[in-house]
Amino acid sequence: MDNYNKIVKVVRDDPSLQRNVGTLKQEAAQGGVKKSGAAFNEGDVLAPKIAGVKILAAPNDTAKVVATLTRTDEIVVTGEEKDGYIKVQGSTAEGWVKIALVSKR
């Protein structure tokens, strides 16, 4: 119980650990809740998390598929990020992949 009380005291005394809104619902309405996901920089080498990840011509689900990656393929980030997609260059194609489907090598 003493450990719990110490943790509560630390949180109360440290403003950086406290929220500025009354409820999580209010925070979400203000856009304060961030989506999870990795941050990639230009030049990072990425690999698909699963086989069959598609490189698309545009950053949306209905875009033309320009290539399909295997589990062992590598792609390089060219820098742009839009709507949950990241622009990449592969050995056979350039286009967009969903950020959630790739990870740093």
Protein backbone atom coordinates (compact mmCIF):
# COMPACT_ATOMS: atom_id res chain seq x y z
CA MET A 1 0.00 0.00 0.00
CA ASP A 2 2.90 2.34 0.73
CA ASN A 3 4.27 1.87 -2.80
CA TYR A 4 0.88 2.75 -4.32
CA ASN A 5 0.67 5.89 -2.18
CA LYS A 6 4.19 6.90 -3.27
CA ILE A 7 3.24 6.49 -6.93
CA VAL A 8 0.10 8.58 -6.48
CA LYS A 9 2.14 11.31 -4.77
CA VAL A 10 4.69 11.37 -7.59
CA VAL A 11 1.95 11.66 -10.23
CA ARG A 12 0.17 14.43 -8.33
CA ASP A 13 3.41 16.39 -7.89
CA ASP A 14 4.52 16.11 -11.54
CA PRO A 15 2.42 18.25 -13.94
CA SER A 16 3.83 16.44 -16.99
CA LEU A 17 2.08 13.25 -15.82
CA GLN A 18 -1.31 14.92 -15.50
CA ARG A 19 -4.00 15.48 -18.15
CA ASN A 20 -5.29 18.95 -18.96
CA VAL A 21 -8.89 17.87 -19.60
CA GLY A 22 -11.60 16.39 -17.43
CA THR A 23 -12.24 13.11 -19.23
CA LEU A 24 -10.77 10.92 -21.95
CA LYS A 25 -13.87 11.62 -24.03
CA GLN A 26 -13.09 15.36 -23.93
CA GLU A 27 -9.44 14.69 -24.77
CA ALA A 28 -10.44 12.57 -27.77
CA ALA A 29 -12.79 15.32 -28.96
CA GLN A 30 -9.87 17.75 -28.87
CA GLY A 31 -7.71 15.43 -30.94
CA GLY A 32 -5.43 14.71 -28.00
CA VAL A 33 -5.45 10.97 -28.46
CA LYS A 34 -2.75 9.90 -30.86
CA LYS A 35 -2.93 6.84 -33.06
CA SER A 36 -0.27 4.33 -32.40
CA GLY A 37 2.25 3.85 -35.11
CA ALA A 38 5.86 4.12 -35.92
CA ALA A 39 7.60 7.30 -36.99
CA PHE A 40 9.80 6.79 -40.02
CA ASN A 41 12.42 9.12 -41.45
CA GLU A 42 13.57 9.51 -45.02
CA GLY A 43 16.12 6.83 -45.81
CA ASP A 44 14.91 4.32 -43.20
CA VAL A 45 14.93 0.73 -44.40
CA LEU A 46 11.63 -1.02 -43.77
CA ALA A 47 10.36 -4.56 -44.12
CA PRO A 48 6.80 -5.87 -44.36
CA LYS A 49 5.44 -7.43 -41.17
CA ILE A 50 3.59 -10.02 -43.27
CA ALA A 51 3.85 -11.40 -46.78
CA GLY A 52 1.64 -9.87 -49.43
CA VAL A 53 1.90 -6.20 -48.44
CA LYS A 54 1.00 -4.13 -51.47
CA ILE A 55 2.79 -1.06 -52.79
CA LEU A 56 0.07 1.24 -54.11
CA ALA A 57 0.17 4.02 -56.70
CA ALA A 58 -1.60 6.46 -54.34
CA PRO A 59 -2.15 6.69 -50.55
CA ASN A 60 -5.57 5.01 -50.43
CA ASP A 61 -7.01 1.49 -50.37
CA THR A 62 -8.55 1.73 -53.85
CA ALA A 63 -5.34 2.76 -55.64
CA LYS A 64 -3.71 0.59 -58.30
CA VAL A 65 -1.30 -2.05 -56.93
CA VAL A 66 2.17 -1.49 -58.41
CA ALA A 67 3.97 -4.33 -56.55
CA THR A 68 3.45 -6.92 -53.85
CA LEU A 69 6.12 -7.51 -51.21
CA THR A 70 7.32 -10.79 -49.79
CA ARG A 71 8.22 -11.15 -46.14
CA THR A 72 11.96 -10.76 -46.95
CA ASP A 73 11.74 -7.67 -49.20
CA GLU A 74 13.20 -4.37 -48.11
CA ILE A 75 11.90 -0.90 -48.97
CA VAL A 76 13.31 2.58 -48.33
CA VAL A 77 11.27 5.51 -47.05
CA THR A 78 11.35 8.48 -49.43
CA GLY A 79 9.94 10.86 -46.85
CA GLU A 80 6.28 11.57 -47.49
CA GLU A 81 3.53 10.43 -45.12
CA LYS A 82 -0.18 10.83 -45.83
CA ASP A 83 -3.41 9.36 -44.44
CA GLY A 84 -1.74 6.41 -42.70
CA TYR A 85 0.52 5.60 -45.67
CA ILE A 86 4.24 6.18 -46.21
CA LYS A 87 5.91 6.70 -49.60
CA VAL A 88 8.59 4.11 -50.30
CA GLN A 89 10.99 2.90 -52.96
CA GLY A 90 11.42 -0.83 -53.47
CA SER A 91 13.71 -2.77 -55.79
CA THR A 92 10.96 -3.07 -58.41
CA ALA A 93 8.54 -0.23 -57.69
CA GLU A 94 7.89 3.08 -55.97
CA GLY A 95 4.63 3.92 -54.22
CA TRP A 96 2.74 3.92 -50.94
CA VAL A 97 2.37 1.29 -48.20
CA LYS A 98 0.24 1.28 -45.06
CA ILE A 99 2.36 2.30 -42.09
CA ALA A 100 0.78 -0.36 -39.88
CA LEU A 101 2.04 -3.12 -42.18
CA VAL A 102 5.77 -2.26 -42.10
CA SER A 103 8.49 -1.98 -39.48
CA LYS A 104 12.10 -0.77 -39.36
CA ARG A 105 14.74 -3.28 -40.35
